C-alpha atoms as a PDB file:
ATOM      1  CA  MET A   1      94.170 134.720 -61.936  1.00  0.00           C
ATOM      2  CA  ASN A   2      97.832 135.659 -61.454  1.00  0.00           C
ATOM      3  CA  ASN A   3      98.315 136.026 -57.681  1.00  0.00           C
ATOM      4  CA  ASN A   4     100.192 139.326 -58.188  1.00  0.00           C
ATOM      5  CA  ILE A   5      97.225 140.889 -59.961  1.00  0.00           C
ATOM      6  CA  LYS A   6      94.397 142.529 -58.085  1.00  0.00           C
ATOM      7  CA  ASN A   7      91.081 143.075 -59.831  1.00  0.00           C
ATOM      8  CA  SER A   8      89.605 146.562 -59.723  1.00  0.00           C
ATOM      9  CA  PRO A   9      85.837 147.006 -59.359  1.00  0.00           C
ATOM     10  CA  ALA A  10      83.852 148.371 -62.297  1.00  0.00           C
ATOM     11  CA  SER A  11      83.454 151.659 -60.411  1.00  0.00           C
ATOM     12  CA  GLU A  12      87.236 152.130 -60.311  1.00  0.00           C
ATOM     13  CA  ILE A  13      87.596 151.516 -64.044  1.00  0.00           C
ATOM     14  CA  LEU A  14      84.761 153.952 -64.676  1.00  0.00           C
ATOM     15  CA  LYS A  15      86.477 156.585 -62.527  1.00  0.00           C
ATOM     16  CA  ILE A  16      89.666 156.234 -64.576  1.00  0.00           C
ATOM     17  CA  LEU A  17      87.732 156.664 -67.808  1.00  0.00           C
ATOM     18  CA  LEU A  18      85.849 159.721 -66.579  1.00  0.00           C
ATOM     19  CA  ASN A  19      89.093 161.384 -65.477  1.00  0.00           C
ATOM     20  CA  SER A  20      90.898 160.727 -68.758  1.00  0.00           C
ATOM     21  CA  LYS A  21      91.130 163.352 -71.478  1.00  0.00           C
ATOM     22  CA  LYS A  22      93.172 161.395 -74.016  1.00  0.00           C
ATOM     23  CA  ILE A  23      92.601 157.661 -74.443  1.00  0.00           C
ATOM     24  CA  THR A  24      94.071 154.938 -76.638  1.00  0.00           C
ATOM     25  CA  ILE A  25      92.068 151.729 -77.138  1.00  0.00           C
ATOM     26  CA  THR A  26      93.714 148.610 -78.535  1.00  0.00           C
ATOM     27  CA  THR A  27      93.261 144.850 -78.783  1.00  0.00           C
ATOM     28  CA  HIS A  28      95.027 141.670 -79.848  1.00  0.00           C
ATOM     29  CA  VAL A  29      96.499 140.773 -83.225  1.00  0.00           C
ATOM     30  CA  SER A  30      93.906 139.367 -85.682  1.00  0.00           C
ATOM     31  CA  PRO A  31      90.927 140.895 -83.848  1.00  0.00           C
ATOM     32  CA  ASP A  32      87.582 139.095 -83.729  1.00  0.00           C
ATOM     33  CA  GLY A  33      84.026 140.275 -83.119  1.00  0.00           C
ATOM     34  CA  ASP A  34      84.466 140.487 -79.368  1.00  0.00           C
ATOM     35  CA  ALA A  35      87.578 142.624 -79.717  1.00  0.00           C
ATOM     36  CA  ILE A  36      86.202 145.052 -82.310  1.00  0.00           C
ATOM     37  CA  GLY A  37      82.718 145.249 -80.771  1.00  0.00           C
ATOM     38  CA  SER A  38      84.145 145.969 -77.324  1.00  0.00           C
ATOM     39  CA  GLU A  39      86.479 148.627 -78.724  1.00  0.00           C
ATOM     40  CA  LEU A  40      83.705 150.442 -80.567  1.00  0.00           C
ATOM     41  CA  ALA A  41      81.336 150.441 -77.584  1.00  0.00           C
ATOM     42  CA  MET A  42      84.084 151.859 -75.387  1.00  0.00           C
ATOM     43  CA  PHE A  43      85.056 154.382 -78.073  1.00  0.00           C
ATOM     44  CA  PHE A  44      81.501 155.751 -78.283  1.00  0.00           C
ATOM     45  CA  TYR A  45      81.258 155.929 -74.512  1.00  0.00           C
ATOM     46  CA  CYS A  46      84.554 157.793 -74.030  1.00  0.00           C
ATOM     47  CA  GLN A  47      83.654 160.172 -76.839  1.00  0.00           C
ATOM     48  CA  GLN A  48      80.256 160.764 -75.248  1.00  0.00           C
ATOM     49  CA  LYS A  49      82.015 161.742 -72.015  1.00  0.00           C
ATOM     50  CA  GLY A  50      84.161 164.311 -73.797  1.00  0.00           C
ATOM     51  CA  SER A  51      87.454 162.433 -74.057  1.00  0.00           C
ATOM     52  CA  ARG A  52      89.725 162.473 -77.063  1.00  0.00           C
ATOM     53  CA  VAL A  53      89.944 158.817 -78.067  1.00  0.00           C
ATOM     54  CA  ARG A  54      91.502 156.657 -80.769  1.00  0.00           C
ATOM     55  CA  ILE A  55      91.256 152.950 -81.541  1.00  0.00           C
ATOM     56  CA  ILE A  56      94.647 151.745 -82.771  1.00  0.00           C
ATOM     57  CA  ASN A  57      95.138 148.069 -83.606  1.00  0.00           C
ATOM     58  CA  TYR A  58      98.058 146.122 -84.984  1.00  0.00           C
ATOM     59  CA  SER A  59      95.895 144.220 -87.490  1.00  0.00           C
ATOM     60  CA  GLU A  60      93.297 145.089 -90.084  1.00  0.00           C
ATOM     61  CA  THR A  61      89.614 144.729 -89.170  1.00  0.00           C
ATOM     62  CA  PRO A  62      88.002 141.563 -90.614  1.00  0.00           C
ATOM     63  CA  TYR A  63      85.694 142.282 -93.544  1.00  0.00           C
ATOM     64  CA  ASN A  64      82.619 140.846 -91.788  1.00  0.00           C
ATOM     65  CA  LEU A  65      82.809 143.470 -89.025  1.00  0.00           C
ATOM     66  CA  LYS A  66      83.077 146.504 -91.276  1.00  0.00           C
ATOM     67  CA  PHE A  67      79.299 146.993 -91.255  1.00  0.00           C
ATOM     68  CA  LEU A  68      79.415 148.300 -87.686  1.00  0.00           C
ATOM     69  CA  ASN A  69      78.783 151.996 -87.215  1.00  0.00           C
ATOM     70  CA  GLY A  70      81.964 153.845 -86.331  1.00  0.00           C
ATOM     71  CA  ILE A  71      84.244 151.237 -87.901  1.00  0.00           C
ATOM     72  CA  GLU A  72      86.082 154.041 -89.728  1.00  0.00           C
ATOM     73  CA  ASN A  73      87.525 154.965 -86.314  1.00  0.00           C
ATOM     74  CA  VAL A  74      89.336 151.618 -86.026  1.00  0.00           C
ATOM     75  CA  CYS A  75      92.826 152.319 -87.344  1.00  0.00           C
ATOM     76  CA  VAL A  76      95.835 150.144 -88.129  1.00  0.00           C
ATOM     77  CA  PHE A  77      98.995 151.105 -86.235  1.00  0.00           C
ATOM     78  CA  ASP A  78     101.371 153.410 -88.077  1.00  0.00           C
ATOM     79  CA  LYS A  79     104.475 153.954 -85.962  1.00  0.00           C
ATOM     80  CA  SER A  80     105.295 157.355 -87.455  1.00  0.00           C
ATOM     81  CA  HIS A  81     101.719 158.607 -87.059  1.00  0.00           C
ATOM     82  CA  ASP A  82     100.483 156.976 -83.842  1.00  0.00           C
ATOM     83  CA  THR A  83     103.433 156.692 -81.459  1.00  0.00           C
ATOM     84  CA  ASP A  84     103.215 160.254 -80.106  1.00  0.00           C
ATOM     85  CA  TYR A  85      99.469 159.952 -79.496  1.00  0.00           C
ATOM     86  CA  ILE A  86      99.913 156.677 -77.613  1.00  0.00           C
ATOM     87  CA  LYS A  87     102.809 157.953 -75.519  1.00  0.00           C
ATOM     88  CA  ASN A  88     100.926 161.136 -74.590  1.00  0.00           C
ATOM     89  CA  SER A  89      97.648 159.403 -73.697  1.00  0.00           C
ATOM     90  CA  ASP A  90      96.269 159.559 -70.159  1.00  0.00           C
ATOM     91  CA  THR A  91      94.911 156.026 -70.397  1.00  0.00           C
ATOM     92  CA  ILE A  92      95.518 152.981 -72.592  1.00  0.00           C
ATOM     93  CA  LEU A  93      92.738 150.397 -72.652  1.00  0.00           C
ATOM     94  CA  PHE A  94      93.714 146.832 -73.542  1.00  0.00           C
ATOM     95  CA  LEU A  95      90.510 145.030 -74.481  1.00  0.00           C
ATOM     96  CA  ASP A  96      90.168 141.264 -74.934  1.00  0.00           C
ATOM     97  CA  LEU A  97      93.813 140.512 -74.213  1.00  0.00           C
ATOM     98  CA  ASN A  98      95.875 140.018 -71.071  1.00  0.00           C
ATOM     99  CA  ASN A  99      99.399 139.962 -72.450  1.00  0.00           C
ATOM    100  CA  SER A 100     101.057 143.040 -73.954  1.00  0.00           C
ATOM    101  CA  SER A 101     102.952 140.903 -76.480  1.00  0.00           C
ATOM    102  CA  ARG A 102      99.655 140.313 -78.287  1.00  0.00           C
ATOM    103  CA  VAL A 103      99.774 143.842 -79.717  1.00  0.00           C
ATOM    104  CA  LYS A 104     102.921 142.832 -81.613  1.00  0.00           C
ATOM    105  CA  GLU A 105     105.006 145.800 -82.863  1.00  0.00           C
ATOM    106  CA  MET A 106     102.801 148.225 -80.922  1.00  0.00           C
ATOM    107  CA  GLU A 107     104.152 146.861 -77.635  1.00  0.00           C
ATOM    108  CA  GLU A 108     107.137 149.202 -77.426  1.00  0.00           C
ATOM    109  CA  SER A 109     104.939 152.291 -77.902  1.00  0.00           C
ATOM    110  CA  VAL A 110     102.219 151.282 -75.429  1.00  0.00           C
ATOM    111  CA  MET A 111     104.561 150.024 -72.742  1.00  0.00           C
ATOM    112  CA  SER A 112     106.861 153.060 -72.875  1.00  0.00           C
ATOM    113  CA  SER A 113     103.881 155.381 -72.400  1.00  0.00           C
ATOM    114  CA  THR A 114     103.326 156.833 -68.919  1.00  0.00           C
ATOM    115  CA  ALA A 115      99.553 156.415 -69.424  1.00  0.00           C
ATOM    116  CA  THR A 116      97.483 154.463 -66.913  1.00  0.00           C
ATOM    117  CA  LYS A 117      97.185 151.004 -68.421  1.00  0.00           C
ATOM    118  CA  VAL A 118      93.869 149.197 -68.002  1.00  0.00           C
ATOM    119  CA  VAL A 119      93.098 145.609 -68.998  1.00  0.00           C
ATOM    120  CA  ILE A 120      89.483 144.490 -69.557  1.00  0.00           C
ATOM    121  CA  ASP A 121      89.386 140.815 -70.452  1.00  0.00           C
ATOM    122  CA  HIS A 122      87.876 137.375 -69.856  1.00  0.00           C
ATOM    123  CA  HIS A 123      90.864 135.102 -70.492  1.00  0.00           C
ATOM    124  CA  ILE A 124      92.681 133.315 -67.696  1.00  0.00           C
ATOM    125  CA  GLU A 125      96.292 133.696 -66.503  1.00  0.00           C
ATOM    126  CA  PRO A 126      96.861 137.398 -67.234  1.00  0.00           C
ATOM    127  CA  LYS A 127     100.379 138.788 -67.381  1.00  0.00           C
ATOM    128  CA  ASP A 128     101.363 141.492 -64.911  1.00  0.00           C
ATOM    129  CA  PHE A 129     101.961 144.517 -67.160  1.00  0.00           C
ATOM    130  CA  ALA A 130      99.119 146.986 -66.456  1.00  0.00           C
ATOM    131  CA  ASP A 131      98.038 149.274 -63.610  1.00  0.00           C
ATOM    132  CA  ASN A 132      94.411 148.173 -63.370  1.00  0.00           C
ATOM    133  CA  TYR A 133      92.610 144.974 -64.297  1.00  0.00           C
ATOM    134  CA  TYR A 134      88.940 144.165 -64.747  1.00  0.00           C
ATOM    135  CA  ILE A 135      89.012 140.443 -65.485  1.00  0.00           C
ATOM    136  CA  ASP A 136      86.390 137.741 -65.162  1.00  0.00           C
ATOM    137  CA  SER A 137      87.267 134.407 -66.774  1.00  0.00           C
ATOM    138  CA  ASP A 138      83.698 133.211 -66.171  1.00  0.00           C
ATOM    139  CA  ALA A 139      82.308 135.950 -68.411  1.00  0.00           C
ATOM    140  CA  THR A 140      81.201 134.966 -71.904  1.00  0.00           C
ATOM    141  CA  SER A 141      83.141 137.783 -73.527  1.00  0.00           C
ATOM    142  CA  THR A 142      84.958 141.051 -73.072  1.00  0.00           C
ATOM    143  CA  GLY A 143      81.810 142.674 -74.467  1.00  0.00           C
ATOM    144  CA  GLU A 144      79.899 141.464 -71.404  1.00  0.00           C
ATOM    145  CA  LEU A 145      82.476 143.109 -69.128  1.00  0.00           C
ATOM    146  CA  VAL A 146      82.421 146.375 -71.073  1.00  0.00           C
ATOM    147  CA  TRP A 147      78.623 146.328 -70.748  1.00  0.00           C
ATOM    148  CA  LYS A 148      78.898 145.987 -66.954  1.00  0.00           C
ATOM    149  CA  ILE A 149      81.346 148.878 -66.728  1.00  0.00           C
ATOM    150  CA  LEU A 150      79.230 151.171 -68.885  1.00  0.00           C
ATOM    151  CA  LYS A 151      76.046 150.224 -67.031  1.00  0.00           C
ATOM    152  CA  SER A 152      77.694 151.279 -63.762  1.00  0.00           C
ATOM    153  CA  ASP A 153      77.485 154.874 -65.056  1.00  0.00           C
ATOM    154  CA  ASN A 154      73.997 156.032 -64.090  1.00  0.00           C
ATOM    155  CA  ASN A 155      74.291 158.940 -66.524  1.00  0.00           C
ATOM    156  CA  ILE A 156      75.196 156.975 -69.626  1.00  0.00           C
ATOM    157  CA  ASN A 157      73.249 157.459 -72.834  1.00  0.00           C
ATOM    158  CA  LEU A 158      73.219 153.949 -74.274  1.00  0.00           C
ATOM    159  CA  THR A 159      72.949 154.386 -78.027  1.00  0.00           C
ATOM    160  CA  LYS A 160      72.028 152.003 -80.816  1.00  0.00           C
ATOM    161  CA  GLU A 161      75.669 152.073 -81.958  1.00  0.00           C
ATOM    162  CA  MET A 162      76.913 150.935 -78.539  1.00  0.00           C
ATOM    163  CA  ALA A 163      74.224 148.256 -78.282  1.00  0.00           C
ATOM    164  CA  SER A 164      74.996 146.888 -81.749  1.00  0.00           C
ATOM    165  CA  ALA A 165      78.726 146.761 -81.064  1.00  0.00           C
ATOM    166  CA  LEU A 166      78.238 144.913 -77.770  1.00  0.00           C
ATOM    167  CA  TYR A 167      75.660 142.528 -79.250  1.00  0.00           C
ATOM    168  CA  THR A 168      78.232 141.643 -81.933  1.00  0.00           C
ATOM    169  CA  ALA A 169      80.913 141.126 -79.282  1.00  0.00           C
ATOM    170  CA  ILE A 170      78.815 138.787 -77.170  1.00  0.00           C
ATOM    171  CA  MET A 171      77.203 136.931 -80.073  1.00  0.00           C
ATOM    172  CA  THR A 172      80.525 136.078 -81.711  1.00  0.00           C
ATOM    173  CA  ASP A 173      82.304 134.992 -78.534  1.00  0.00           C
ATOM    174  CA  THR A 174      79.447 132.736 -77.445  1.00  0.00           C
ATOM    175  CA  GLY A 175      79.279 130.992 -80.822  1.00  0.00           C
ATOM    176  CA  SER A 176      75.891 132.631 -81.398  1.00  0.00           C
ATOM    177  CA  PHE A 177      74.872 131.741 -77.819  1.00  0.00           C
ATOM    178  CA  ARG A 178      75.763 128.046 -78.216  1.00  0.00           C
ATOM    179  CA  TYR A 179      78.772 127.748 -75.894  1.00  0.00           C
ATOM    180  CA  PRO A 180      78.233 126.263 -72.411  1.00  0.00           C
ATOM    181  CA  ASN A 181      78.998 129.490 -70.526  1.00  0.00           C
ATOM    182  CA  THR A 182      75.947 131.155 -72.117  1.00  0.00           C
ATOM    183  CA  ASP A 183      73.455 131.449 -69.264  1.00  0.00           C
ATOM    184  CA  SER A 184      70.341 133.350 -68.236  1.00  0.00           C
ATOM    185  CA  GLU A 185      72.403 136.466 -67.407  1.00  0.00           C
ATOM    186  CA  THR A 186      73.817 136.454 -70.932  1.00  0.00           C
ATOM    187  CA  HIS A 187      70.328 136.428 -72.407  1.00  0.00           C
ATOM    188  CA  GLN A 188      69.204 139.184 -70.037  1.00  0.00           C
ATOM    189  CA  ILE A 189      72.076 141.368 -71.266  1.00  0.00           C
ATOM    190  CA  ILE A 190      71.192 140.537 -74.871  1.00  0.00           C
ATOM    191  CA  ALA A 191      67.544 141.446 -74.224  1.00  0.00           C
ATOM    192  CA  GLU A 192      68.641 144.870 -72.986  1.00  0.00           C
ATOM    193  CA  LEU A 193      70.923 145.396 -75.979  1.00  0.00           C
ATOM    194  CA  ILE A 194      68.016 144.626 -78.299  1.00  0.00           C
ATOM    195  CA  LYS A 195      65.907 147.108 -76.357  1.00  0.00           C
ATOM    196  CA  TYR A 196      68.562 149.758 -77.004  1.00  0.00           C
ATOM    197  CA  GLY A 197      68.521 149.113 -80.746  1.00  0.00           C
ATOM    198  CA  ALA A 198      70.685 146.099 -81.609  1.00  0.00           C
ATOM    199  CA  ASP A 199      69.170 144.225 -84.553  1.00  0.00           C
ATOM    200  CA  PRO A 200      69.839 140.456 -84.114  1.00  0.00           C
ATOM    201  CA  VAL A 201      68.845 139.520 -87.660  1.00  0.00           C
ATOM    202  CA  LYS A 202      70.984 142.176 -89.364  1.00  0.00           C
ATOM    203  CA  ILE A 203      73.996 141.548 -87.149  1.00  0.00           C
ATOM    204  CA  TYR A 204      73.926 137.786 -87.676  1.00  0.00           C
ATOM    205  CA  GLU A 205      73.507 138.215 -91.429  1.00  0.00           C
ATOM    206  CA  GLU A 206      76.411 140.654 -91.694  1.00  0.00           C
ATOM    207  CA  VAL A 207      78.791 138.636 -89.528  1.00  0.00           C
ATOM    208  CA  TYR A 208      78.058 135.128 -90.805  1.00  0.00           C
ATOM    209  CA  ASN A 209      76.067 135.136 -94.031  1.00  0.00           C
ATOM    210  CA  ILE A 210      77.782 137.667 -96.300  1.00  0.00           C
ATOM    211  CA  ILE A 211      81.227 136.783 -97.633  1.00  0.00           C
ATOM    212  CA  PRO A 212      83.211 138.085-100.626  1.00  0.00           C
ATOM    213  CA  PRO A 213      84.003 135.669-103.487  1.00  0.00           C
ATOM    214  CA  ARG A 214      87.643 135.401-102.435  1.00  0.00           C
ATOM    215  CA  ALA A 215      86.565 134.129 -99.000  1.00  0.00           C
ATOM    216  CA  ALA A 216      84.317 131.525-100.614  1.00  0.00           C
ATOM    217  CA  ARG A 217      87.264 130.392-102.746  1.00  0.00           C
ATOM    218  CA  ILE A 218      89.604 129.935 -99.796  1.00  0.00           C
ATOM    219  CA  TYR A 219      86.892 128.140 -97.797  1.00  0.00           C
ATOM    220  CA  GLY A 220      86.586 125.739-100.736  1.00  0.00           C
ATOM    221  CA  GLU A 221      90.347 125.238-100.894  1.00  0.00           C
ATOM    222  CA  ALA A 222      90.458 124.523 -97.158  1.00  0.00           C
ATOM    223  CA  PHE A 223      87.692 121.918 -97.255  1.00  0.00           C
ATOM    224  CA  SER A 224      88.924 120.288-100.463  1.00  0.00           C
ATOM    225  CA  GLY A 225      92.103 119.399 -98.560  1.00  0.00           C
ATOM    226  CA  MET A 226      90.315 118.390 -95.358  1.00  0.00           C
ATOM    227  CA  GLU A 227      91.821 115.486 -93.404  1.00  0.00           C
ATOM    228  CA  ILE A 228      89.932 113.374 -90.866  1.00  0.00           C
ATOM    229  CA  TYR A 229      91.467 111.325 -88.066  1.00  0.00           C
ATOM    230  CA  CYS A 230      90.526 109.474 -84.891  1.00  0.00           C
ATOM    231  CA  ASP A 231      87.488 107.694 -86.325  1.00  0.00           C
ATOM    232  CA  GLY A 232      86.047 110.944 -87.667  1.00  0.00           C
ATOM    233  CA  LYS A 233      86.360 112.862 -84.405  1.00  0.00           C
ATOM    234  CA  LEU A 234      89.294 115.061 -85.485  1.00  0.00           C
ATOM    235  CA  VAL A 235      88.974 117.357 -88.512  1.00  0.00           C
ATOM    236  CA  VAL A 236      92.080 119.164 -89.788  1.00  0.00           C
ATOM    237  CA  LEU A 237      92.200 122.009 -92.333  1.00  0.00           C
ATOM    238  CA  THR A 238      95.379 123.619 -93.683  1.00  0.00           C
ATOM    239  CA  LEU A 239      95.965 126.787 -95.666  1.00  0.00           C
ATOM    240  CA  SER A 240      99.296 127.584 -97.298  1.00  0.00           C
ATOM    241  CA  LYS A 241     100.676 130.893 -98.512  1.00  0.00           C
ATOM    242  CA  ASP A 242     100.169 129.643-102.063  1.00  0.00           C
ATOM    243  CA  THR A 243      96.463 129.119-101.341  1.00  0.00           C
ATOM    244  CA  PHE A 244      96.129 132.718-100.178  1.00  0.00           C
ATOM    245  CA  ASN A 245      97.921 133.948-103.285  1.00  0.00           C
ATOM    246  CA  LYS A 246      95.799 131.816-105.603  1.00  0.00           C
ATOM    247  CA  SER A 247      92.479 132.809-104.065  1.00  0.00           C
ATOM    248  CA  GLY A 248      93.347 136.461-103.464  1.00  0.00           C
ATOM    249  CA  ALA A 249      92.132 136.072 -99.883  1.00  0.00           C
ATOM    250  CA  THR A 250      93.530 137.724 -96.764  1.00  0.00           C
ATOM    251  CA  GLU A 251      93.736 136.475 -93.190  1.00  0.00           C
ATOM    252  CA  SER A 252      90.612 138.389 -92.260  1.00  0.00           C
ATOM    253  CA  ASP A 253      88.693 136.320 -94.829  1.00  0.00           C
ATOM    254  CA  ILE A 254      89.144 133.115 -92.819  1.00  0.00           C
ATOM    255  CA  GLU A 255      87.672 134.378 -89.547  1.00  0.00           C
ATOM    256  CA  GLY A 256      85.010 131.841 -88.631  1.00  0.00           C
ATOM    257  CA  LEU A 257      86.395 129.100 -90.883  1.00  0.00           C
ATOM    258  CA  VAL A 258      87.518 126.846 -88.044  1.00  0.00           C
ATOM    259  CA  GLU A 259      84.004 126.926 -86.548  1.00  0.00           C
ATOM    260  CA  GLN A 260      82.747 125.191 -89.671  1.00  0.00           C
ATOM    261  CA  THR A 261      84.681 122.063 -88.755  1.00  0.00           C
ATOM    262  CA  MET A 262      82.255 121.569 -85.873  1.00  0.00           C
ATOM    263  CA  THR A 263      79.361 121.151 -88.321  1.00  0.00           C
ATOM    264  CA  ILE A 264      80.857 117.942 -89.735  1.00  0.00           C
ATOM    265  CA  LYS A 265      79.158 114.749 -88.557  1.00  0.00           C
ATOM    266  CA  ASP A 266      81.007 113.016 -85.690  1.00  0.00           C
ATOM    267  CA  ALA A 267      83.573 115.829 -85.388  1.00  0.00           C
ATOM    268  CA  LYS A 268      84.560 116.621 -81.795  1.00  0.00           C
ATOM    269  CA  VAL A 269      87.717 118.657 -82.403  1.00  0.00           C
ATOM    270  CA  GLY A 270      88.491 120.927 -85.347  1.00  0.00           C
ATOM    271  CA  VAL A 271      91.890 122.404 -86.207  1.00  0.00           C
ATOM    272  CA  LEU A 272      92.864 125.043 -88.752  1.00  0.00           C
ATOM    273  CA  LEU A 273      96.554 125.558 -89.528  1.00  0.00           C
ATOM    274  CA  THR A 274      97.342 128.699 -91.481  1.00  0.00           C
ATOM    275  CA  GLU A 275     100.662 129.576 -93.029  1.00  0.00           C
ATOM    276  CA  ARG A 276     100.415 133.314 -92.508  1.00  0.00           C
ATOM    277  CA  PRO A 277     100.793 135.226 -95.801  1.00  0.00           C
ATOM    278  CA  ASN A 278     103.070 137.994 -94.539  1.00  0.00           C
ATOM    279  CA  GLU A 279     104.872 136.436 -91.585  1.00  0.00           C
ATOM    280  CA  ALA A 280     107.084 133.414 -90.960  1.00  0.00           C
ATOM    281  CA  GLU A 281     104.739 131.648 -88.576  1.00  0.00           C
ATOM    282  CA  ILE A 282     101.928 129.103 -88.496  1.00  0.00           C
ATOM    283  CA  ARG A 283      98.661 130.156 -86.854  1.00  0.00           C
ATOM    284  CA  ILE A 284      96.765 127.286 -85.208  1.00  0.00           C
ATOM    285  CA  SER A 285      93.090 127.523 -84.259  1.00  0.00           C
ATOM    286  CA  PHE A 286      91.294 124.864 -82.208  1.00  0.00           C
ATOM    287  CA  ARG A 287      87.595 124.255 -81.592  1.00  0.00           C
ATOM    288  CA  SER A 288      85.961 121.435 -79.625  1.00  0.00           C
ATOM    289  CA  LYS A 289      82.731 120.057 -78.228  1.00  0.00           C
ATOM    290  CA  GLY A 290      81.714 118.389 -74.978  1.00  0.00           C
ATOM    291  CA  GLU A 291      84.412 117.545 -72.451  1.00  0.00           C
ATOM    292  CA  LEU A 292      87.366 117.976 -74.786  1.00  0.00           C
ATOM    293  CA  ASN A 293      89.669 120.759 -73.580  1.00  0.00           C
ATOM    294  CA  VAL A 294      91.590 122.359 -76.458  1.00  0.00           C
ATOM    295  CA  ARG A 295      92.969 125.119 -74.273  1.00  0.00           C
ATOM    296  CA  GLU A 296      95.501 122.678 -72.823  1.00  0.00           C
ATOM    297  CA  LEU A 297      96.601 121.803 -76.351  1.00  0.00           C
ATOM    298  CA  ALA A 298      97.089 125.467 -77.182  1.00  0.00           C
ATOM    299  CA  LEU A 299      99.054 126.028 -73.970  1.00  0.00           C
ATOM    300  CA  SER A 300     101.391 123.168 -74.861  1.00  0.00           C
ATOM    301  CA  LEU A 301     102.163 125.055 -78.085  1.00  0.00           C
ATOM    302  CA  GLY A 302     102.745 128.389 -76.373  1.00  0.00           C
ATOM    303  CA  GLY A 303      99.243 129.741 -76.932  1.00  0.00           C
ATOM    304  CA  GLY A 304      96.076 129.924 -74.870  1.00  0.00           C
ATOM    305  CA  GLY A 305      92.375 130.602 -74.984  1.00  0.00           C
ATOM    306  CA  HIS A 306      89.254 128.905 -73.684  1.00  0.00           C
ATOM    307  CA  PHE A 307      88.133 125.342 -73.009  1.00  0.00           C
ATOM    308  CA  HIS A 308      86.344 124.976 -76.391  1.00  0.00           C
ATOM    309  CA  ALA A 309      88.112 127.679 -78.420  1.00  0.00           C
ATOM    310  CA  ALA A 310      91.852 128.277 -78.325  1.00  0.00           C
ATOM    311  CA  GLY A 311      94.843 128.996 -80.494  1.00  0.00           C
ATOM    312  CA  ALA A 312      98.592 129.277 -80.816  1.00  0.00           C
ATOM    313  CA  ARG A 313     101.300 130.491 -83.174  1.00  0.00           C
ATOM    314  CA  ILE A 314     104.510 128.631 -84.017  1.00  0.00           C
ATOM    315  CA  SER A 315     107.529 130.161 -85.745  1.00  0.00           C
ATOM    316  CA  ASN A 316     110.385 128.550 -87.673  1.00  0.00           C
ATOM    317  CA  ILE A 317     108.471 125.435 -88.700  1.00  0.00           C
ATOM    318  CA  SER A 318     107.026 124.238 -91.994  1.00  0.00           C
ATOM    319  CA  LEU A 319     103.294 123.869 -92.464  1.00  0.00           C
ATOM    320  CA  LEU A 320     103.703 120.112 -92.919  1.00  0.00           C
ATOM    321  CA  ASP A 321     105.740 119.687 -89.727  1.00  0.00           C
ATOM    322  CA  ALA A 322     103.329 121.884 -87.794  1.00  0.00           C
ATOM    323  CA  LYS A 323     100.432 119.749 -88.991  1.00  0.00           C
ATOM    324  CA  LYS A 324     102.164 116.538 -87.932  1.00  0.00           C
ATOM    325  CA  LEU A 325     102.893 118.003 -84.498  1.00  0.00           C
ATOM    326  CA  VAL A 326      99.341 119.237 -83.971  1.00  0.00           C
ATOM    327  CA  ILE A 327      97.733 115.975 -85.120  1.00  0.00           C
ATOM    328  CA  GLU A 328     100.011 114.018 -82.791  1.00  0.00           C
ATOM    329  CA  LYS A 329      99.125 116.224 -79.807  1.00  0.00           C
ATOM    330  CA  THR A 330      95.413 116.430 -80.581  1.00  0.00           C
ATOM    331  CA  SER A 331      95.011 112.680 -81.022  1.00  0.00           C
ATOM    332  CA  THR A 332      95.896 112.219 -77.348  1.00  0.00           C
ATOM    333  CA  LEU A 333      92.507 113.721 -76.466  1.00  0.00           C
ATOM    334  CA  PHE A 334      91.005 110.524 -77.872  1.00  0.00           C
ATOM    335  CA  ASN A 335      93.635 108.228 -76.344  1.00  0.00           C
ATOM    336  CA  ILE A 336      94.875 107.463 -79.834  1.00  0.00           C
ATOM    337  CA  LYS A 337      98.513 107.682 -80.924  1.00  0.00           C
ATOM    338  CA  ILE A 338      99.106 108.820 -84.503  1.00  0.00           C
END
């Protein structure tokens, strides 16, 4: 934790929410299940308490999360339409991020607003840009933290929609409850969410087992060009702009792709390098198993994340040069120089 940042208790965050009449909720670029699930649960809660509330994100919602109830309330930032609402909000909630730069072109609007700025997140090393923080880097997910805040309201009406959104958040950020920080408390929370109406079978099916043809095509393209290093322990996938154009896929179609590298026999670290279709940057996603810390790799590239799941973005570099750089850095985890 940044020494200049003081964590607020859940009761303080709840007090801010209950005293807010106009709320903006946002999250990081390229949102995942934890981000969207946390936003929706908080949206339903604030609405239930009588607040005017909008979810405004920089990026589109991934296709595999569009089954969630209330997803029509998750909007993509339109400067001409949304700036006044953001600037006139009482409170801005930053969920699943701890650095205002991760909202991209929305940053100017949110940071110039006089609204109380609240960060709810589970990543380490937060930046000092908000008024209140509720951060726990030991938590499995932001969804777990949102659950704890909402549960601190003794008068909450926990609905099936809230439970489903939070189940999705926690399931996706724990790798379907496979990551090491999944403990008995996690499963107790999940048991309660099921009691309130979350359907584990449906949610898993929607998130992981239903993909459009274009996503299947780009998965195939990625694996057809797969490269393996370090005696099979390092798996590298690359996706170029041309591949996106050929397959008709979008960035949201590759959410979850990097996780598939961990299913390959002997693989200990998986990397996906994506030449972003609409921006001049390379997106790098890391996954690992066991004692291999990919967060340090991401940090060395200007990114961040968790021990077993991290990422970074590099500008002004070709896909080939980015791949060479990443392979060189990653191979050091195995004490091998490439």
